[in-house]
Amino acid sequence: MTSSLPQQLQDSVGGSFHKTALLQKRVRELIRGAIPLIETREKNPIKIAYEEMRQGLIELVPDEEPANGAAPPQI
């Protein structure tokens, strides 16, 4: 029996903050127009991001910190 997308996500993510943050960030990118890293007809950005994560195509990269502890420039 095939489990639902929410069940698949729960099983895969398993409460891991890292994976949850990775999925959230990638879904936002896809919603904003990023091109999927997989060939698919799927339109659901959550399903696309999940499949990209499952295939190991995406990873969470920390935001860069300013060198020498300097404050970021104010605009």
C-alpha atoms as a PDB file:
ATOM      1  CA  MET A   1       0.000   0.000   0.000  1.00  0.00           C
ATOM      2  CA  THR A   2       1.350   3.418  -0.956  1.00  0.00           C
ATOM      3  CA  SER A   3       1.517   5.959   1.834  1.00  0.00           C
ATOM      4  CA  SER A   4       0.381   9.553   1.413  1.00  0.00           C
ATOM      5  CA  LEU A   5       2.799  12.423   0.788  1.00  0.00           C
ATOM      6  CA  PRO A   6       2.498  13.700   4.391  1.00  0.00           C
ATOM      7  CA  GLN A   7       3.257  10.179   5.674  1.00  0.00           C
ATOM      8  CA  GLN A   8       6.232   9.843   3.290  1.00  0.00           C
ATOM      9  CA  LEU A   9       7.559  13.215   4.441  1.00  0.00           C
ATOM     10  CA  GLN A  10       7.118  12.314   8.110  1.00  0.00           C
ATOM     11  CA  ASP A  11       8.869   8.975   7.614  1.00  0.00           C
ATOM     12  CA  SER A  12      11.748  10.590   5.705  1.00  0.00           C
ATOM     13  CA  VAL A  13      12.183  13.715   7.788  1.00  0.00           C
ATOM     14  CA  GLY A  14      11.521  11.985  11.088  1.00  0.00           C
ATOM     15  CA  GLY A  15      11.663  15.173  13.122  1.00  0.00           C
ATOM     16  CA  SER A  16      15.067  16.183  11.801  1.00  0.00           C
ATOM     17  CA  PHE A  17      15.298  19.975  11.881  1.00  0.00           C
ATOM     18  CA  HIS A  18      18.020  19.903   9.238  1.00  0.00           C
ATOM     19  CA  LYS A  19      15.919  18.021   6.702  1.00  0.00           C
ATOM     20  CA  THR A  20      12.828  20.059   7.515  1.00  0.00           C
ATOM     21  CA  ALA A  21      14.739  23.304   6.961  1.00  0.00           C
ATOM     22  CA  LEU A  22      16.170  21.906   3.726  1.00  0.00           C
ATOM     23  CA  LEU A  23      12.713  21.058   2.392  1.00  0.00           C
ATOM     24  CA  GLN A  24      11.255  24.412   3.433  1.00  0.00           C
ATOM     25  CA  LYS A  25      14.048  26.352   1.766  1.00  0.00           C
ATOM     26  CA  ARG A  26      13.852  24.373  -1.470  1.00  0.00           C
ATOM     27  CA  VAL A  27      10.042  24.610  -1.640  1.00  0.00           C
ATOM     28  CA  ARG A  28      10.332  28.407  -1.308  1.00  0.00           C
ATOM     29  CA  GLU A  29      12.884  28.461  -4.137  1.00  0.00           C
ATOM     30  CA  LEU A  30      10.611  26.393  -6.372  1.00  0.00           C
ATOM     31  CA  ILE A  31       7.613  28.598  -5.611  1.00  0.00           C
ATOM     32  CA  ARG A  32       9.703  31.631  -6.578  1.00  0.00           C
ATOM     33  CA  GLY A  33      10.468  30.076  -9.960  1.00  0.00           C
ATOM     34  CA  ALA A  34      13.580  27.928  -9.507  1.00  0.00           C
ATOM     35  CA  ILE A  35      13.937  25.152 -12.060  1.00  0.00           C
ATOM     36  CA  PRO A  36      13.554  21.615 -10.639  1.00  0.00           C
ATOM     37  CA  LEU A  37      16.762  19.585 -10.508  1.00  0.00           C
ATOM     38  CA  ILE A  38      14.883  16.509 -11.695  1.00  0.00           C
ATOM     39  CA  GLU A  39      13.000  15.849 -14.894  1.00  0.00           C
ATOM     40  CA  THR A  40       9.335  15.711 -13.907  1.00  0.00           C
ATOM     41  CA  ARG A  41       5.837  16.698 -14.893  1.00  0.00           C
ATOM     42  CA  GLU A  42       4.992  17.185 -11.216  1.00  0.00           C
ATOM     43  CA  LYS A  43       3.720  20.656 -10.320  1.00  0.00           C
ATOM     44  CA  ASN A  44       3.571  20.289  -6.530  1.00  0.00           C
ATOM     45  CA  PRO A  45       6.725  22.022  -5.181  1.00  0.00           C
ATOM     46  CA  ILE A  46       6.656  19.906  -2.018  1.00  0.00           C
ATOM     47  CA  LYS A  47       6.747  16.673  -4.011  1.00  0.00           C
ATOM     48  CA  ILE A  48       9.507  18.035  -6.249  1.00  0.00           C
ATOM     49  CA  ALA A  49      11.643  19.172  -3.287  1.00  0.00           C
ATOM     50  CA  TYR A  50      11.083  15.854  -1.515  1.00  0.00           C
ATOM     51  CA  GLU A  51      12.231  13.893  -4.575  1.00  0.00           C
ATOM     52  CA  GLU A  52      15.283  16.149  -4.989  1.00  0.00           C
ATOM     53  CA  MET A  53      16.158  15.555  -1.320  1.00  0.00           C
ATOM     54  CA  ARG A  54      15.551  11.806  -1.627  1.00  0.00           C
ATOM     55  CA  GLN A  55      17.956  11.649  -4.585  1.00  0.00           C
ATOM     56  CA  GLY A  56      20.595  13.655  -2.700  1.00  0.00           C
ATOM     57  CA  LEU A  57      20.499  16.560  -5.154  1.00  0.00           C
ATOM     58  CA  ILE A  58      20.049  19.315  -2.574  1.00  0.00           C
ATOM     59  CA  GLU A  59      21.769  20.160   0.685  1.00  0.00           C
ATOM     60  CA  LEU A  60      21.392  22.844   3.289  1.00  0.00           C
ATOM     61  CA  VAL A  61      24.243  25.349   3.187  1.00  0.00           C
ATOM     62  CA  PRO A  62      24.546  27.756   6.122  1.00  0.00           C
ATOM     63  CA  ASP A  63      24.319  31.460   5.357  1.00  0.00           C
ATOM     64  CA  GLU A  64      27.715  33.093   5.066  1.00  0.00           C
ATOM     65  CA  GLU A  65      28.882  34.999   8.106  1.00  0.00           C
ATOM     66  CA  PRO A  66      30.769  38.270   7.743  1.00  0.00           C
ATOM     67  CA  ALA A  67      34.561  37.929   7.960  1.00  0.00           C
ATOM     68  CA  ASN A  68      36.232  38.846  11.267  1.00  0.00           C
ATOM     69  CA  GLY A  69      32.881  39.128  13.038  1.00  0.00           C
ATOM     70  CA  ALA A  70      32.128  42.428  11.296  1.00  0.00           C
ATOM     71  CA  ALA A  71      28.532  43.527  11.133  1.00  0.00           C
ATOM     72  CA  PRO A  72      26.838  43.187   7.755  1.00  0.00           C
ATOM     73  CA  PRO A  73      26.584  46.412   5.758  1.00  0.00           C
ATOM     74  CA  GLN A  74      23.468  48.472   6.420  1.00  0.00           C
ATOM     75  CA  ILE A  75      21.469  49.499   3.394  1.00  0.00           C
END
